[in-house]
Amino acid sequence: MKIVFLDAKTIGDDINLSGFDELGEVVKYGFSTTEEARERTKDADVIILNKVEINEKTIGEAKNLKLVCVTATGTNNLDKEYLAKRGIAWRNVAGYSTESVAQHTFAMLFYLLEKLRYYDDYVKTEKYVEDVSFTHFAKAFHELTGMTWGIVGLGNIGRRVADIAKMFGCRVIYYSTSGKNIQPGYDRVSFEELLTQSDIVSVHAPLDENTQGLMNQAAFTKMKKTAIFLNLGRGPIVVEQDLADALNEGEIAAAGLDVLSVEPMQAQNPLRSIKDSEKLLITPHIAWASVEARNRLMQIIVEQIKSFFPD
């Protein structure tokens, strides 16, 4: 069996991939263009990828291909009709990053809520050296206890965030983007109720027809001016120009984003001009990527390949 990684760099160089060597010949490419993928998959039995588009252009000459493994939950990059026509199976992975994303959600929140950038700079610029007082109150912050946390999308990750927020003493409410998700223990509300009532709004929903552009000017206008907005779902759920305007005009207090509409960030992204780290924190799509989550992800794929080729 020949296993080909088309964009191995997207899972990092610091995790153990030795389990694949026991399954057959393994070839790893850091990144692959469409043309390169077409050449590199010609004699592959299994291909493993994250972002590479899989369609007739990329695997049209892959005569031995039997299985496509996506190192992610989303499969928008797969032409499933073409794969079905060719009789090629595909697998994705869900649930591997729940703890990692939940942890990152709170890391972003506390950075913004407690004005950590300001206080770190205050000490690092030596303003605290021989200061007149042992403490410094310039930037007020508040306790999570008693706040209302609104979650858009209460799936595995959203539920984990809700459980942790509850332990901090938050009242947790949620909006079901499909209208079908009922989670015991938490109050399901309308989208408008969530926006108007929440001190923190975090998005953990998939990108679909219900969520594309959901967080737009109308949504930000309804939020509290003291609210913090967090997006750890998908970038296009947010209309980025509208978010930039909301931050610049004080419609909301701050935002933390781990995802953008186009990644890597494009030069024309309107959020690029906001340099105030107390207003805006952007991380480069790393919430999912703890070492443990990435190792868990790849071990699941090893088991998927083993179960597909039981012999």
C-alpha atoms as a PDB file:
ATOM      1  CA  MET A   1       0.000   0.000   0.000  1.00  0.00           C
ATOM      2  CA  LYS A   2       1.216   3.500  -0.826  1.00  0.00           C
ATOM      3  CA  ILE A   3       0.091   6.362   1.404  1.00  0.00           C
ATOM      4  CA  VAL A   4       0.677   9.925   0.211  1.00  0.00           C
ATOM      5  CA  PHE A   5       0.438  13.032   2.404  1.00  0.00           C
ATOM      6  CA  LEU A   6      -0.323  15.974   0.119  1.00  0.00           C
ATOM      7  CA  ASP A   7       0.047  18.812   2.651  1.00  0.00           C
ATOM      8  CA  ALA A   8       1.800  17.374   5.698  1.00  0.00           C
ATOM      9  CA  LYS A   9       2.946  20.825   6.843  1.00  0.00           C
ATOM     10  CA  THR A  10      -0.657  21.627   7.797  1.00  0.00           C
ATOM     11  CA  ILE A  11      -0.438  19.181  10.696  1.00  0.00           C
ATOM     12  CA  GLY A  12       3.032  20.263  11.856  1.00  0.00           C
ATOM     13  CA  ASP A  13       6.445  18.661  12.138  1.00  0.00           C
ATOM     14  CA  ASP A  14       6.264  17.935  15.860  1.00  0.00           C
ATOM     15  CA  ILE A  15       3.866  14.994  15.999  1.00  0.00           C
ATOM     16  CA  ASN A  16       4.446  11.260  15.706  1.00  0.00           C
ATOM     17  CA  LEU A  17       3.483   9.812  12.324  1.00  0.00           C
ATOM     18  CA  SER A  18       5.341   6.522  12.731  1.00  0.00           C
ATOM     19  CA  GLY A  19       2.077   4.590  12.894  1.00  0.00           C
ATOM     20  CA  PHE A  20       1.620   5.112   9.157  1.00  0.00           C
ATOM     21  CA  ASP A  21       4.965   3.464   8.373  1.00  0.00           C
ATOM     22  CA  GLU A  22       3.573   0.179   9.668  1.00  0.00           C
ATOM     23  CA  LEU A  23       0.804   0.296   7.061  1.00  0.00           C
ATOM     24  CA  GLY A  24       2.919   0.583   3.929  1.00  0.00           C
ATOM     25  CA  GLU A  25       5.089   2.959   1.919  1.00  0.00           C
ATOM     26  CA  VAL A  26       4.622   6.550   3.094  1.00  0.00           C
ATOM     27  CA  VAL A  27       5.472   9.659   1.067  1.00  0.00           C
ATOM     28  CA  LYS A  28       5.070  13.115   2.599  1.00  0.00           C
ATOM     29  CA  TYR A  29       4.825  16.414   0.736  1.00  0.00           C
ATOM     30  CA  GLY A  30       4.706  19.662   2.670  1.00  0.00           C
ATOM     31  CA  PHE A  31       2.236  21.345   0.303  1.00  0.00           C
ATOM     32  CA  SER A  32       0.815  20.465  -3.120  1.00  0.00           C
ATOM     33  CA  THR A  33      -0.622  22.558  -5.920  1.00  0.00           C
ATOM     34  CA  THR A  34      -3.346  21.131  -8.150  1.00  0.00           C
ATOM     35  CA  GLU A  35      -0.777  20.165 -10.777  1.00  0.00           C
ATOM     36  CA  GLU A  36       1.578  18.642  -8.209  1.00  0.00           C
ATOM     37  CA  ALA A  37      -1.248  16.681  -6.586  1.00  0.00           C
ATOM     38  CA  ARG A  38      -2.209  15.179  -9.940  1.00  0.00           C
ATOM     39  CA  GLU A  39       1.322  13.865 -10.405  1.00  0.00           C
ATOM     40  CA  ARG A  40       1.859  12.838  -6.787  1.00  0.00           C
ATOM     41  CA  THR A  41      -1.328  10.777  -6.488  1.00  0.00           C
ATOM     42  CA  LYS A  42      -0.825   8.707  -9.656  1.00  0.00           C
ATOM     43  CA  ASP A  43       0.175   5.518  -7.844  1.00  0.00           C
ATOM     44  CA  ALA A  44      -1.296   6.207  -4.384  1.00  0.00           C
ATOM     45  CA  ASP A  45      -3.701   3.818  -2.681  1.00  0.00           C
ATOM     46  CA  VAL A  46      -4.480   6.291   0.099  1.00  0.00           C
ATOM     47  CA  ILE A  47      -4.074  10.053   0.177  1.00  0.00           C
ATOM     48  CA  ILE A  48      -4.088  12.163   3.327  1.00  0.00           C
ATOM     49  CA  LEU A  49      -4.751  15.869   3.093  1.00  0.00           C
ATOM     50  CA  ASN A  50      -6.156  18.893   4.836  1.00  0.00           C
ATOM     51  CA  LYS A  51      -6.836  21.743   2.403  1.00  0.00           C
ATOM     52  CA  VAL A  52      -5.977  20.356  -1.047  1.00  0.00           C
ATOM     53  CA  GLU A  53      -8.965  20.280  -3.416  1.00  0.00           C
ATOM     54  CA  ILE A  54      -9.837  16.707  -4.364  1.00  0.00           C
ATOM     55  CA  ASN A  55     -11.544  16.445  -7.728  1.00  0.00           C
ATOM     56  CA  GLU A  56     -10.906  15.213 -11.252  1.00  0.00           C
ATOM     57  CA  LYS A  57      -8.139  17.762 -11.752  1.00  0.00           C
ATOM     58  CA  THR A  58      -6.127  16.572  -8.774  1.00  0.00           C
ATOM     59  CA  ILE A  59      -6.775  12.811  -8.767  1.00  0.00           C
ATOM     60  CA  GLY A  60      -7.850  12.141 -12.333  1.00  0.00           C
ATOM     61  CA  GLU A  61      -4.821   9.932 -12.971  1.00  0.00           C
ATOM     62  CA  ALA A  62      -4.864   8.176  -9.577  1.00  0.00           C
ATOM     63  CA  LYS A  63      -5.792   4.735 -10.891  1.00  0.00           C
ATOM     64  CA  ASN A  64      -5.034   2.874  -7.629  1.00  0.00           C
ATOM     65  CA  LEU A  65      -6.729   5.312  -5.276  1.00  0.00           C
ATOM     66  CA  LYS A  66      -9.156   3.675  -2.856  1.00  0.00           C
ATOM     67  CA  LEU A  67      -9.358   6.007   0.160  1.00  0.00           C
ATOM     68  CA  VAL A  68      -9.147   9.760   0.808  1.00  0.00           C
ATOM     69  CA  CYS A  69      -8.550  10.836   4.416  1.00  0.00           C
ATOM     70  CA  VAL A  70      -9.139  14.440   5.459  1.00  0.00           C
ATOM     71  CA  THR A  71      -7.244  15.648   8.514  1.00  0.00           C
ATOM     72  CA  ALA A  72     -10.181  17.829   9.555  1.00  0.00           C
ATOM     73  CA  THR A  73     -13.913  17.748  10.160  1.00  0.00           C
ATOM     74  CA  GLY A  74     -14.914  19.878   7.178  1.00  0.00           C
ATOM     75  CA  THR A  75     -15.010  18.239   3.742  1.00  0.00           C
ATOM     76  CA  ASN A  76     -15.904  21.168   1.476  1.00  0.00           C
ATOM     77  CA  ASN A  77     -12.724  20.505  -0.504  1.00  0.00           C
ATOM     78  CA  LEU A  78     -13.929  17.079  -1.641  1.00  0.00           C
ATOM     79  CA  ASP A  79     -15.863  16.566  -4.866  1.00  0.00           C
ATOM     80  CA  LYS A  80     -17.998  13.807  -3.377  1.00  0.00           C
ATOM     81  CA  GLU A  81     -19.916  13.131  -6.585  1.00  0.00           C
ATOM     82  CA  TYR A  82     -16.677  12.490  -8.444  1.00  0.00           C
ATOM     83  CA  LEU A  83     -15.372  10.253  -5.653  1.00  0.00           C
ATOM     84  CA  ALA A  84     -18.611   8.269  -5.662  1.00  0.00           C
ATOM     85  CA  LYS A  85     -18.453   7.868  -9.439  1.00  0.00           C
ATOM     86  CA  ARG A  86     -14.927   6.504  -9.102  1.00  0.00           C
ATOM     87  CA  GLY A  87     -15.843   4.284  -6.154  1.00  0.00           C
ATOM     88  CA  ILE A  88     -13.308   6.034  -3.940  1.00  0.00           C
ATOM     89  CA  ALA A  89     -14.139   6.177  -0.231  1.00  0.00           C
ATOM     90  CA  TRP A  90     -13.462   9.181   1.975  1.00  0.00           C
ATOM     91  CA  ARG A  91     -13.135   9.750   5.696  1.00  0.00           C
ATOM     92  CA  ASN A  92     -12.994  12.834   7.884  1.00  0.00           C
ATOM     93  CA  VAL A  93     -12.410  13.222  11.627  1.00  0.00           C
ATOM     94  CA  ALA A  94     -14.718  14.827  14.182  1.00  0.00           C
ATOM     95  CA  GLY A  95     -14.366  15.419  17.899  1.00  0.00           C
ATOM     96  CA  TYR A  96     -10.570  15.329  18.098  1.00  0.00           C
ATOM     97  CA  SER A  97     -10.129  19.031  18.928  1.00  0.00           C
ATOM     98  CA  THR A  98     -12.933  19.709  21.408  1.00  0.00           C
ATOM     99  CA  GLU A  99     -10.669  20.250  24.427  1.00  0.00           C
ATOM    100  CA  SER A 100      -8.147  22.283  22.442  1.00  0.00           C
ATOM    101  CA  VAL A 101     -10.724  24.668  20.968  1.00  0.00           C
ATOM    102  CA  ALA A 102     -12.523  25.100  24.275  1.00  0.00           C
ATOM    103  CA  GLN A 103      -9.237  25.931  25.981  1.00  0.00           C
ATOM    104  CA  HIS A 104      -8.321  28.467  23.303  1.00  0.00           C
ATOM    105  CA  THR A 105     -11.747  30.067  23.617  1.00  0.00           C
ATOM    106  CA  PHE A 106     -11.045  30.896  27.241  1.00  0.00           C
ATOM    107  CA  ALA A 107      -7.453  31.957  26.522  1.00  0.00           C
ATOM    108  CA  MET A 108      -8.776  34.543  24.058  1.00  0.00           C
ATOM    109  CA  LEU A 109     -11.540  35.642  26.408  1.00  0.00           C
ATOM    110  CA  PHE A 110      -9.256  36.264  29.375  1.00  0.00           C
ATOM    111  CA  TYR A 111      -6.720  38.119  27.239  1.00  0.00           C
ATOM    112  CA  LEU A 112      -9.469  40.563  26.240  1.00  0.00           C
ATOM    113  CA  LEU A 113     -11.573  40.567  29.397  1.00  0.00           C
ATOM    114  CA  GLU A 114      -8.703  41.230  31.799  1.00  0.00           C
ATOM    115  CA  LYS A 115      -6.811  43.637  29.508  1.00  0.00           C
ATOM    116  CA  LEU A 116      -3.737  41.424  29.738  1.00  0.00           C
ATOM    117  CA  ARG A 117      -1.914  43.097  26.849  1.00  0.00           C
ATOM    118  CA  TYR A 118      -2.122  46.457  28.626  1.00  0.00           C
ATOM    119  CA  TYR A 119      -0.926  45.119  31.972  1.00  0.00           C
ATOM    120  CA  ASP A 120       1.894  43.105  30.433  1.00  0.00           C
ATOM    121  CA  ASP A 121       3.056  46.194  28.524  1.00  0.00           C
ATOM    122  CA  TYR A 122       2.770  48.287  31.695  1.00  0.00           C
ATOM    123  CA  VAL A 123       5.275  46.048  33.448  1.00  0.00           C
ATOM    124  CA  LYS A 124       7.518  45.372  30.443  1.00  0.00           C
ATOM    125  CA  THR A 125       7.917  49.103  29.727  1.00  0.00           C
ATOM    126  CA  GLU A 126       9.058  49.458  33.366  1.00  0.00           C
ATOM    127  CA  LYS A 127       6.273  51.802  34.409  1.00  0.00           C
ATOM    128  CA  TYR A 128       5.749  49.497  37.382  1.00  0.00           C
ATOM    129  CA  VAL A 129       9.370  49.782  38.496  1.00  0.00           C
ATOM    130  CA  GLU A 130       9.365  51.786  41.746  1.00  0.00           C
ATOM    131  CA  ASP A 131       5.784  52.882  41.078  1.00  0.00           C
ATOM    132  CA  VAL A 132       3.955  54.785  43.830  1.00  0.00           C
ATOM    133  CA  SER A 133       1.421  51.984  44.438  1.00  0.00           C
ATOM    134  CA  PHE A 134       1.596  48.208  44.682  1.00  0.00           C
ATOM    135  CA  THR A 135      -1.342  47.940  42.243  1.00  0.00           C
ATOM    136  CA  HIS A 136      -2.579  49.714  39.155  1.00  0.00           C
ATOM    137  CA  PHE A 137      -6.227  50.293  38.284  1.00  0.00           C
ATOM    138  CA  ALA A 138      -6.023  52.000  34.887  1.00  0.00           C
ATOM    139  CA  LYS A 139      -7.963  49.327  33.016  1.00  0.00           C
ATOM    140  CA  ALA A 140     -10.955  47.944  34.890  1.00  0.00           C
ATOM    141  CA  PHE A 141     -12.102  44.380  34.353  1.00  0.00           C
ATOM    142  CA  HIS A 142     -14.979  42.321  35.696  1.00  0.00           C
ATOM    143  CA  GLU A 143     -15.593  38.816  36.992  1.00  0.00           C
ATOM    144  CA  LEU A 144     -17.156  36.202  34.767  1.00  0.00           C
ATOM    145  CA  THR A 145     -19.466  35.159  37.583  1.00  0.00           C
ATOM    146  CA  GLY A 146     -22.900  36.575  36.913  1.00  0.00           C
ATOM    147  CA  MET A 147     -22.266  37.322  33.232  1.00  0.00           C
ATOM    148  CA  THR A 148     -24.424  35.901  30.449  1.00  0.00           C
ATOM    149  CA  TRP A 149     -22.532  33.862  27.866  1.00  0.00           C
ATOM    150  CA  GLY A 150     -24.328  33.320  24.574  1.00  0.00           C
ATOM    151  CA  ILE A 151     -23.181  30.442  22.382  1.00  0.00           C
ATOM    152  CA  VAL A 152     -23.969  30.179  18.681  1.00  0.00           C
ATOM    153  CA  GLY A 153     -23.860  26.476  17.885  1.00  0.00           C
ATOM    154  CA  LEU A 154     -24.048  24.144  20.890  1.00  0.00           C
ATOM    155  CA  GLY A 155     -22.401  21.088  19.371  1.00  0.00           C
ATOM    156  CA  ASN A 156     -19.515  19.190  20.996  1.00  0.00           C
ATOM    157  CA  ILE A 157     -17.252  22.230  21.270  1.00  0.00           C
ATOM    158  CA  GLY A 158     -20.021  24.667  22.154  1.00  0.00           C
ATOM    159  CA  ARG A 159     -21.278  22.320  24.857  1.00  0.00           C
ATOM    160  CA  ARG A 160     -17.788  22.010  26.348  1.00  0.00           C
ATOM    161  CA  VAL A 161     -17.424  25.800  26.400  1.00  0.00           C
ATOM    162  CA  ALA A 162     -20.864  26.049  28.011  1.00  0.00           C
ATOM    163  CA  ASP A 163     -19.936  23.576  30.733  1.00  0.00           C
ATOM    164  CA  ILE A 164     -16.735  25.469  31.578  1.00  0.00           C
ATOM    165  CA  ALA A 165     -18.488  28.851  31.479  1.00  0.00           C
ATOM    166  CA  LYS A 166     -21.091  27.493  33.891  1.00  0.00           C
ATOM    167  CA  MET A 167     -18.322  26.489  36.295  1.00  0.00           C
ATOM    168  CA  PHE A 168     -17.134  30.114  36.227  1.00  0.00           C
ATOM    169  CA  GLY A 169     -20.623  31.146  37.316  1.00  0.00           C
ATOM    170  CA  CYS A 170     -21.973  32.314  33.970  1.00  0.00           C
ATOM    171  CA  ARG A 171     -25.559  32.064  32.868  1.00  0.00           C
ATOM    172  CA  VAL A 172     -25.311  30.232  29.541  1.00  0.00           C
ATOM    173  CA  ILE A 173     -27.804  30.621  26.713  1.00  0.00           C
ATOM    174  CA  TYR A 174     -27.556  29.314  23.174  1.00  0.00           C
ATOM    175  CA  TYR A 175     -28.921  29.743  19.683  1.00  0.00           C
ATOM    176  CA  SER A 176     -29.387  26.712  17.438  1.00  0.00           C
ATOM    177  CA  THR A 177     -28.444  27.690  13.890  1.00  0.00           C
ATOM    178  CA  SER A 178     -30.339  24.697  12.489  1.00  0.00           C
ATOM    179  CA  GLY A 179     -33.317  25.205  14.779  1.00  0.00           C
ATOM    180  CA  LYS A 180     -33.159  21.530  15.715  1.00  0.00           C
ATOM    181  CA  ASN A 181     -30.549  21.287  18.461  1.00  0.00           C
ATOM    182  CA  ILE A 182     -32.006  20.942  21.939  1.00  0.00           C
ATOM    183  CA  GLN A 183     -29.475  20.653  24.758  1.00  0.00           C
ATOM    184  CA  PRO A 184     -30.734  19.930  28.279  1.00  0.00           C
ATOM    185  CA  GLY A 185     -29.344  22.147  30.999  1.00  0.00           C
ATOM    186  CA  TYR A 186     -29.102  25.323  28.915  1.00  0.00           C
ATOM    187  CA  ASP A 187     -31.694  27.825  27.732  1.00  0.00           C
ATOM    188  CA  ARG A 188     -32.272  27.917  23.993  1.00  0.00           C
ATOM    189  CA  VAL A 189     -33.180  31.421  22.825  1.00  0.00           C
ATOM    190  CA  SER A 190     -33.748  33.311  19.588  1.00  0.00           C
ATOM    191  CA  PHE A 191     -30.790  34.878  17.847  1.00  0.00           C
ATOM    192  CA  GLU A 192     -31.966  38.361  18.796  1.00  0.00           C
ATOM    193  CA  GLU A 193     -32.357  37.392  22.448  1.00  0.00           C
ATOM    194  CA  LEU A 194     -28.856  35.939  22.485  1.00  0.00           C
ATOM    195  CA  LEU A 195     -27.350  39.107  21.010  1.00  0.00           C
ATOM    196  CA  THR A 196     -29.157  41.529  23.301  1.00  0.00           C
ATOM    197  CA  GLN A 197     -28.695  39.573  26.537  1.00  0.00           C
ATOM    198  CA  SER A 198     -25.114  38.301  26.263  1.00  0.00           C
ATOM    199  CA  ASP A 199     -21.993  39.812  27.779  1.00  0.00           C
ATOM    200  CA  ILE A 200     -19.948  37.310  25.764  1.00  0.00           C
ATOM    201  CA  VAL A 201     -20.964  35.827  22.426  1.00  0.00           C
ATOM    202  CA  SER A 202     -18.931  32.906  21.095  1.00  0.00           C
ATOM    203  CA  VAL A 203     -19.455  31.148  17.767  1.00  0.00           C
ATOM    204  CA  HIS A 204     -18.787  27.402  17.504  1.00  0.00           C
ATOM    205  CA  ALA A 205     -21.031  26.627  14.530  1.00  0.00           C
ATOM    206  CA  PRO A 206     -20.235  25.101  11.128  1.00  0.00           C
ATOM    207  CA  LEU A 207     -20.416  27.168   7.953  1.00  0.00           C
ATOM    208  CA  ASP A 208     -23.642  26.520   6.059  1.00  0.00           C
ATOM    209  CA  GLU A 209     -26.596  28.386   4.567  1.00  0.00           C
ATOM    210  CA  ASN A 210     -27.820  29.212   8.071  1.00  0.00           C
ATOM    211  CA  THR A 211     -24.574  30.765   9.290  1.00  0.00           C
ATOM    212  CA  GLN A 212     -22.968  32.429   6.243  1.00  0.00           C
ATOM    213  CA  GLY A 213     -22.745  36.136   7.130  1.00  0.00           C
ATOM    214  CA  LEU A 214     -24.791  35.596  10.296  1.00  0.00           C
ATOM    215  CA  MET A 215     -22.674  38.041  12.298  1.00  0.00           C
ATOM    216  CA  ASN A 216     -23.261  41.210  10.318  1.00  0.00           C
ATOM    217  CA  GLN A 217     -23.934  44.871  10.995  1.00  0.00           C
ATOM    218  CA  ALA A 218     -27.472  44.196  12.219  1.00  0.00           C
ATOM    219  CA  ALA A 219     -26.182  41.573  14.649  1.00  0.00           C
ATOM    220  CA  PHE A 220     -23.360  43.687  16.071  1.00  0.00           C
ATOM    221  CA  THR A 221     -25.702  46.657  16.512  1.00  0.00           C
ATOM    222  CA  LYS A 222     -27.955  44.557  18.752  1.00  0.00           C
ATOM    223  CA  MET A 223     -25.120  43.494  21.050  1.00  0.00           C
ATOM    224  CA  LYS A 224     -24.183  45.276  24.255  1.00  0.00           C
ATOM    225  CA  LYS A 225     -21.518  47.933  23.841  1.00  0.00           C
ATOM    226  CA  THR A 226     -19.609  46.164  26.622  1.00  0.00           C
ATOM    227  CA  ALA A 227     -19.830  42.745  24.927  1.00  0.00           C
ATOM    228  CA  ILE A 228     -16.907  40.592  23.818  1.00  0.00           C
ATOM    229  CA  PHE A 229     -17.347  38.603  20.593  1.00  0.00           C
ATOM    230  CA  LEU A 230     -15.402  35.401  19.865  1.00  0.00           C
ATOM    231  CA  ASN A 231     -15.400  33.405  16.621  1.00  0.00           C
ATOM    232  CA  LEU A 232     -13.940  29.908  16.757  1.00  0.00           C
ATOM    233  CA  GLY A 233     -16.277  28.476  14.132  1.00  0.00           C
ATOM    234  CA  ARG A 234     -15.633  29.485  10.517  1.00  0.00           C
ATOM    235  CA  GLY A 235     -14.472  32.821   9.148  1.00  0.00           C
ATOM    236  CA  PRO A 236     -17.288  33.526   6.663  1.00  0.00           C
ATOM    237  CA  ILE A 237     -19.829  33.420   9.499  1.00  0.00           C
ATOM    238  CA  VAL A 238     -18.624  36.974  10.174  1.00  0.00           C
ATOM    239  CA  VAL A 239     -18.941  39.889   7.756  1.00  0.00           C
ATOM    240  CA  GLU A 240     -15.477  41.242   8.494  1.00  0.00           C
ATOM    241  CA  GLN A 241     -16.096  44.798   7.305  1.00  0.00           C
ATOM    242  CA  ASP A 242     -19.108  44.977   9.613  1.00  0.00           C
ATOM    243  CA  LEU A 243     -17.038  43.685  12.540  1.00  0.00           C
ATOM    244  CA  ALA A 244     -14.302  46.233  11.825  1.00  0.00           C
ATOM    245  CA  ASP A 245     -16.906  48.997  11.780  1.00  0.00           C
ATOM    246  CA  ALA A 246     -18.474  47.741  15.018  1.00  0.00           C
ATOM    247  CA  LEU A 247     -15.100  47.771  16.773  1.00  0.00           C
ATOM    248  CA  ASN A 248     -14.075  51.168  15.417  1.00  0.00           C
ATOM    249  CA  GLU A 249     -17.437  52.725  16.281  1.00  0.00           C
ATOM    250  CA  GLY A 250     -17.682  51.167  19.749  1.00  0.00           C
ATOM    251  CA  GLU A 251     -20.725  49.018  18.997  1.00  0.00           C
ATOM    252  CA  ILE A 252     -19.002  46.192  20.908  1.00  0.00           C
ATOM    253  CA  ALA A 253     -16.036  46.267  23.294  1.00  0.00           C
ATOM    254  CA  ALA A 254     -13.716  43.679  21.768  1.00  0.00           C
ATOM    255  CA  ALA A 255     -13.427  40.658  19.503  1.00  0.00           C
ATOM    256  CA  GLY A 256     -11.272  37.559  19.386  1.00  0.00           C
ATOM    257  CA  LEU A 257     -11.007  35.566  16.163  1.00  0.00           C
ATOM    258  CA  ASP A 258      -9.216  32.325  15.383  1.00  0.00           C
ATOM    259  CA  VAL A 259     -10.702  32.091  11.880  1.00  0.00           C
ATOM    260  CA  LEU A 260     -10.980  34.489   8.944  1.00  0.00           C
ATOM    261  CA  SER A 261     -12.984  34.511   5.723  1.00  0.00           C
ATOM    262  CA  VAL A 262      -9.825  33.819   3.705  1.00  0.00           C
ATOM    263  CA  GLU A 263      -6.794  32.153   5.264  1.00  0.00           C
ATOM    264  CA  PRO A 264      -3.993  33.088   5.457  1.00  0.00           C
ATOM    265  CA  MET A 265      -5.133  36.697   6.069  1.00  0.00           C
ATOM    266  CA  GLN A 266      -5.355  38.758   2.893  1.00  0.00           C
ATOM    267  CA  ALA A 267      -3.865  42.236   2.481  1.00  0.00           C
ATOM    268  CA  GLN A 268      -7.313  43.740   1.858  1.00  0.00           C
ATOM    269  CA  ASN A 269      -8.887  42.309   5.032  1.00  0.00           C
ATOM    270  CA  PRO A 270     -10.545  45.272   6.822  1.00  0.00           C
ATOM    271  CA  LEU A 271      -9.518  43.909  10.226  1.00  0.00           C
ATOM    272  CA  ARG A 272      -5.858  44.303   9.305  1.00  0.00           C
ATOM    273  CA  SER A 273      -5.946  48.013  10.106  1.00  0.00           C
ATOM    274  CA  ILE A 274      -7.037  47.521  13.737  1.00  0.00           C
ATOM    275  CA  LYS A 275      -3.827  47.443  15.749  1.00  0.00           C
ATOM    276  CA  ASP A 276      -5.342  47.933  19.199  1.00  0.00           C
ATOM    277  CA  SER A 277      -4.902  44.554  20.928  1.00  0.00           C
ATOM    278  CA  GLU A 278      -7.414  45.490  23.616  1.00  0.00           C
ATOM    279  CA  LYS A 279     -10.067  45.693  20.895  1.00  0.00           C
ATOM    280  CA  LEU A 280      -9.040  42.872  18.598  1.00  0.00           C
ATOM    281  CA  LEU A 281      -7.127  39.623  19.019  1.00  0.00           C
ATOM    282  CA  ILE A 282      -6.579  37.390  15.989  1.00  0.00           C
ATOM    283  CA  THR A 283      -4.805  34.047  16.146  1.00  0.00           C
ATOM    284  CA  PRO A 284      -3.860  32.174  12.937  1.00  0.00           C
ATOM    285  CA  HIS A 285      -6.345  29.278  13.066  1.00  0.00           C
ATOM    286  CA  ILE A 286      -4.546  27.515  15.918  1.00  0.00           C
ATOM    287  CA  ALA A 287      -7.379  26.701  18.336  1.00  0.00           C
ATOM    288  CA  TRP A 288      -7.614  23.119  17.049  1.00  0.00           C
ATOM    289  CA  ALA A 289      -3.883  22.514  17.025  1.00  0.00           C
ATOM    290  CA  SER A 290      -2.682  21.497  20.472  1.00  0.00           C
ATOM    291  CA  VAL A 291      -0.065  18.747  20.283  1.00  0.00           C
ATOM    292  CA  GLU A 292      -2.513  16.345  21.895  1.00  0.00           C
ATOM    293  CA  ALA A 293      -5.292  17.159  19.430  1.00  0.00           C
ATOM    294  CA  ARG A 294      -3.034  16.721  16.409  1.00  0.00           C
ATOM    295  CA  ASN A 295      -1.678  13.399  17.686  1.00  0.00           C
ATOM    296  CA  ARG A 296      -5.229  12.274  18.418  1.00  0.00           C
ATOM    297  CA  LEU A 297      -6.275  13.292  14.910  1.00  0.00           C
ATOM    298  CA  MET A 298      -3.553  11.312  13.204  1.00  0.00           C
ATOM    299  CA  GLN A 299      -4.088   8.232  15.362  1.00  0.00           C
ATOM    300  CA  ILE A 300      -7.756   8.251  14.347  1.00  0.00           C
ATOM    301  CA  ILE A 301      -6.704   8.334  10.686  1.00  0.00           C
ATOM    302  CA  VAL A 302      -4.311   5.414  11.238  1.00  0.00           C
ATOM    303  CA  GLU A 303      -7.243   3.420  12.647  1.00  0.00           C
ATOM    304  CA  GLN A 304      -9.472   4.496   9.730  1.00  0.00           C
ATOM    305  CA  ILE A 305      -6.959   3.122   7.244  1.00  0.00           C
ATOM    306  CA  LYS A 306      -6.564  -0.107   9.227  1.00  0.00           C
ATOM    307  CA  SER A 307     -10.312  -0.669   9.312  1.00  0.00           C
ATOM    308  CA  PHE A 308     -10.671   0.076   5.593  1.00  0.00           C
ATOM    309  CA  PHE A 309      -7.923  -2.425   4.718  1.00  0.00           C
ATOM    310  CA  PRO A 310      -8.557  -5.147   7.343  1.00  0.00           C
ATOM    311  CA  ASP A 311      -6.121  -7.544   5.731  1.00  0.00           C
END
